[in-house]
C-alpha atoms as a PDB file:
ATOM      1  CA  MET A   1     -38.556  94.602  13.406  1.00  0.00           C
ATOM      2  CA  ALA A   2     -35.790  97.134  14.039  1.00  0.00           C
ATOM      3  CA  LEU A   3     -32.190  96.006  14.251  1.00  0.00           C
ATOM      4  CA  LEU A   4     -30.613  96.522  17.645  1.00  0.00           C
ATOM      5  CA  TYR A   5     -27.041  97.670  18.187  1.00  0.00           C
ATOM      6  CA  GLY A   6     -25.172  98.194  21.435  1.00  0.00           C
ATOM      7  CA  ILE A   7     -22.711 101.059  21.578  1.00  0.00           C
ATOM      8  CA  ASP A   8     -19.555 101.006  23.650  1.00  0.00           C
ATOM      9  CA  THR A   9     -18.101 103.467  26.133  1.00  0.00           C
ATOM     10  CA  SER A  10     -15.948 105.304  23.565  1.00  0.00           C
ATOM     11  CA  ILE A  11     -19.011 106.283  21.532  1.00  0.00           C
ATOM     12  CA  LEU A  12     -21.026 107.299  24.582  1.00  0.00           C
ATOM     13  CA  VAL A  13     -18.189 109.456  25.944  1.00  0.00           C
ATOM     14  CA  ARG A  14     -17.827 111.142  22.527  1.00  0.00           C
ATOM     15  CA  LEU A  15     -21.557 111.885  22.428  1.00  0.00           C
ATOM     16  CA  VAL A  16     -21.551 113.385  25.920  1.00  0.00           C
ATOM     17  CA  ALA A  17     -18.234 115.278  25.843  1.00  0.00           C
ATOM     18  CA  ARG A  18     -18.685 116.474  22.241  1.00  0.00           C
ATOM     19  CA  LYS A  19     -14.905 116.655  21.936  1.00  0.00           C
ATOM     20  CA  PRO A  20     -13.052 116.837  19.672  1.00  0.00           C
ATOM     21  CA  GLN A  21     -15.820 118.664  17.803  1.00  0.00           C
ATOM     22  CA  ARG A  22     -15.022 117.230  14.361  1.00  0.00           C
ATOM     23  CA  GLU A  23     -14.957 113.652  15.636  1.00  0.00           C
ATOM     24  CA  PHE A  24     -18.171 114.256  17.608  1.00  0.00           C
ATOM     25  CA  GLU A  25     -19.955 115.499  14.473  1.00  0.00           C
ATOM     26  CA  ALA A  26     -18.654 112.556  12.425  1.00  0.00           C
ATOM     27  CA  CYS A  27     -19.829 110.121  15.121  1.00  0.00           C
ATOM     28  CA  VAL A  28     -23.325 111.650  15.174  1.00  0.00           C
ATOM     29  CA  ARG A  29     -23.529 111.534  11.363  1.00  0.00           C
ATOM     30  CA  GLN A  30     -22.451 107.895  11.284  1.00  0.00           C
ATOM     31  CA  LEU A  31     -24.863 106.817  13.999  1.00  0.00           C
ATOM     32  CA  ALA A  32     -27.769 108.823  12.592  1.00  0.00           C
ATOM     33  CA  GLY A  33     -27.052 107.417   9.138  1.00  0.00           C
ATOM     34  CA  LEU A  34     -27.024 103.895  10.477  1.00  0.00           C
ATOM     35  CA  ALA A  35     -30.306 104.460  12.309  1.00  0.00           C
ATOM     36  CA  GLU A  36     -31.977 105.986   9.242  1.00  0.00           C
ATOM     37  CA  GLU A  37     -30.565 103.523   6.716  1.00  0.00           C
ATOM     38  CA  ARG A  38     -31.324 100.391   8.669  1.00  0.00           C
ATOM     39  CA  GLY A  39     -34.091 101.588  10.973  1.00  0.00           C
ATOM     40  CA  CYS A  40     -32.098 100.418  13.966  1.00  0.00           C
ATOM     41  CA  ARG A  41     -32.105 101.314  17.641  1.00  0.00           C
ATOM     42  CA  LEU A  42     -28.822 102.175  19.336  1.00  0.00           C
ATOM     43  CA  LEU A  43     -28.706 100.890  22.921  1.00  0.00           C
ATOM     44  CA  VAL A  44     -26.344 101.591  25.807  1.00  0.00           C
ATOM     45  CA  SER A  45     -25.636  99.043  28.551  1.00  0.00           C
ATOM     46  CA  ASN A  46     -25.392  99.901  32.228  1.00  0.00           C
ATOM     47  CA  GLN A  47     -21.718  98.946  32.064  1.00  0.00           C
ATOM     48  CA  ALA A  48     -21.065 101.496  29.287  1.00  0.00           C
ATOM     49  CA  ILE A  49     -23.017 104.123  31.260  1.00  0.00           C
ATOM     50  CA  GLY A  50     -20.910 103.480  34.377  1.00  0.00           C
ATOM     51  CA  GLU A  51     -17.638 103.488  32.468  1.00  0.00           C
ATOM     52  CA  ALA A  52     -18.580 106.685  30.635  1.00  0.00           C
ATOM     53  CA  TYR A  53     -19.504 108.342  33.935  1.00  0.00           C
ATOM     54  CA  ALA A  54     -16.052 107.545  35.337  1.00  0.00           C
ATOM     55  CA  ALA A  55     -14.261 108.547  32.120  1.00  0.00           C
ATOM     56  CA  LEU A  56     -16.041 111.899  31.925  1.00  0.00           C
ATOM     57  CA  MET A  57     -15.010 112.777  35.459  1.00  0.00           C
ATOM     58  CA  HIS A  58     -11.447 111.478  35.136  1.00  0.00           C
ATOM     59  CA  HIS A  59     -10.449 112.468  31.588  1.00  0.00           C
ATOM     60  CA  TYR A  60     -12.606 115.558  31.095  1.00  0.00           C
ATOM     61  CA  ALA A  61     -12.703 116.856  34.709  1.00  0.00           C
ATOM     62  CA  ILE A  62     -16.503 116.977  34.584  1.00  0.00           C
ATOM     63  CA  SER A  63     -18.251 116.994  37.964  1.00  0.00           C
ATOM     64  CA  SER A  64     -20.360 114.021  39.005  1.00  0.00           C
ATOM     65  CA  ARG A  65     -23.525 116.092  38.689  1.00  0.00           C
ATOM     66  CA  ASN A  66     -22.644 117.342  35.194  1.00  0.00           C
ATOM     67  CA  ALA A  67     -21.527 113.899  34.046  1.00  0.00           C
ATOM     68  CA  LYS A  68     -24.879 112.441  35.119  1.00  0.00           C
ATOM     69  CA  ALA A  69     -26.763 115.308  33.449  1.00  0.00           C
ATOM     70  CA  GLY A  70     -24.787 114.899  30.214  1.00  0.00           C
ATOM     71  CA  LEU A  71     -25.383 111.159  30.179  1.00  0.00           C
ATOM     72  CA  SER A  72     -29.075 111.639  30.845  1.00  0.00           C
ATOM     73  CA  ASP A  73     -29.376 114.242  28.090  1.00  0.00           C
ATOM     74  CA  THR A  74     -27.578 111.976  25.629  1.00  0.00           C
ATOM     75  CA  LEU A  75     -29.642 108.924  26.568  1.00  0.00           C
ATOM     76  CA  THR A  76     -32.890 110.846  26.009  1.00  0.00           C
ATOM     77  CA  SER A  77     -31.744 112.628  22.836  1.00  0.00           C
ATOM     78  CA  GLY A  78     -33.431 110.158  20.519  1.00  0.00           C
ATOM     79  CA  LEU A  79     -30.161 108.970  18.986  1.00  0.00           C
ATOM     80  CA  VAL A  80     -29.237 106.407  21.656  1.00  0.00           C
ATOM     81  CA  GLU A  81     -31.184 104.941  24.555  1.00  0.00           C
ATOM     82  CA  PRO A  82     -30.401 102.927  27.676  1.00  0.00           C
ATOM     83  CA  LEU A  83     -30.692  99.171  27.253  1.00  0.00           C
ATOM     84  CA  ASN A  84     -32.480  98.911  30.613  1.00  0.00           C
ATOM     85  CA  GLY A  85     -34.807 101.803  29.841  1.00  0.00           C
ATOM     86  CA  LYS A  86     -36.119 104.184  32.467  1.00  0.00           C
ATOM     87  CA  THR A  87     -34.415 102.451  35.395  1.00  0.00           C
ATOM     88  CA  ALA A  88     -31.007 103.527  34.063  1.00  0.00           C
ATOM     89  CA  LEU A  89     -32.297 107.088  33.731  1.00  0.00           C
ATOM     90  CA  GLU A  90     -33.627 106.923  37.291  1.00  0.00           C
ATOM     91  CA  ALA A  91     -30.185 105.805  38.495  1.00  0.00           C
ATOM     92  CA  LEU A  92     -28.633 108.839  36.773  1.00  0.00           C
ATOM     93  CA  ALA A  93     -31.221 111.158  38.337  1.00  0.00           C
ATOM     94  CA  ALA A  94     -30.651 109.921  41.900  1.00  0.00           C
ATOM     95  CA  SER A  95     -28.679 112.322  44.051  1.00  0.00           C
ATOM     96  CA  SER A  96     -28.510 110.402  47.316  1.00  0.00           C
ATOM     97  CA  ALA A  97     -26.626 107.285  48.355  1.00  0.00           C
ATOM     98  CA  PRO A  98     -26.182 104.662  47.145  1.00  0.00           C
ATOM     99  CA  GLY A  99     -24.159 105.874  44.193  1.00  0.00           C
ATOM    100  CA  LEU A 100     -24.581 105.425  40.476  1.00  0.00           C
ATOM    101  CA  PHE A 101     -22.481 102.256  40.173  1.00  0.00           C
ATOM    102  CA  ASP A 102     -24.413 100.507  42.948  1.00  0.00           C
ATOM    103  CA  ARG A 103     -27.692 101.481  41.319  1.00  0.00           C
ATOM    104  CA  LEU A 104     -26.575 100.239  37.900  1.00  0.00           C
ATOM    105  CA  ILE A 105     -25.363  96.932  39.374  1.00  0.00           C
ATOM    106  CA  ALA A 106     -28.654  96.345  41.198  1.00  0.00           C
ATOM    107  CA  ASP A 107     -30.574  97.312  38.059  1.00  0.00           C
ATOM    108  CA  ASP A 108     -28.720  94.754  35.921  1.00  0.00           C
ATOM    109  CA  TYR A 109     -29.411  91.992  38.417  1.00  0.00           C
ATOM    110  CA  ALA A 110     -33.065  93.010  38.697  1.00  0.00           C
ATOM    111  CA  LYS A 111     -33.443  92.877  34.902  1.00  0.00           C
ATOM    112  CA  ALA A 112     -32.063  89.332  35.034  1.00  0.00           C
ATOM    113  CA  GLY A 113     -34.616  88.429  37.721  1.00  0.00           C
ATOM    114  CA  LEU A 114     -32.013  88.206  40.475  1.00  0.00           C
ATOM    115  CA  GLU A 115     -31.877  89.624  43.961  1.00  0.00           C
ATOM    116  CA  THR A 116     -28.689  91.548  44.729  1.00  0.00           C
ATOM    117  CA  LEU A 117     -26.624  90.674  47.791  1.00  0.00           C
ATOM    118  CA  THR A 118     -24.317  93.297  49.248  1.00  0.00           C
ATOM    119  CA  LEU A 119     -22.391  94.125  52.386  1.00  0.00           C
ATOM    120  CA  ASP A 120     -23.047  97.835  51.806  1.00  0.00           C
ATOM    121  CA  ARG A 121     -25.943  99.014  53.993  1.00  0.00           C
ATOM    122  CA  LYS A 122     -26.764 101.943  51.716  1.00  0.00           C
ATOM    123  CA  MET A 123     -26.891  99.702  48.656  1.00  0.00           C
ATOM    124  CA  ALA A 124     -29.043  97.233  50.608  1.00  0.00           C
ATOM    125  CA  SER A 125     -31.695  99.948  50.789  1.00  0.00           C
ATOM    126  CA  LEU A 126     -32.397  99.582  47.063  1.00  0.00           C
ATOM    127  CA  PRO A 127     -35.394  97.470  46.003  1.00  0.00           C
ATOM    128  CA  GLY A 128     -34.418  93.863  45.358  1.00  0.00           C
ATOM    129  CA  THR A 129     -31.137  94.319  47.222  1.00  0.00           C
ATOM    130  CA  ARG A 130     -30.294  93.013  50.682  1.00  0.00           C
ATOM    131  CA  LEU A 131     -27.586  92.078  53.110  1.00  0.00           C
ATOM    132  CA  PRO A 132     -26.740  88.328  53.064  1.00  0.00           C
END
């Protein structure tokens, strides 16, 4: 059975932004080495995805669309993968309201077998989400 590791926001942002180049390359080498040496899977939580999305827009002035595309590319690169699987990728691919954070929140609750309650009508349109 493969070992499982969760990566944090700092690693995910480095993988998406690829800056600084030397640190990006070192990060990829370290992660790839860990995966090869131990046969592990590197997973990314919805929280890290959301934080990275915000950090990419704020600190790197990347547009929402490009931040989502970069995250999606990174999460399907084969090096790291979303903890919640395809539902996280679907949240990144969505272009209409509700937004990414609302989708990630609802996804986490759904994975835990919970229904999401919200006062946001757009968020309430998501499966498993409703107004109280």
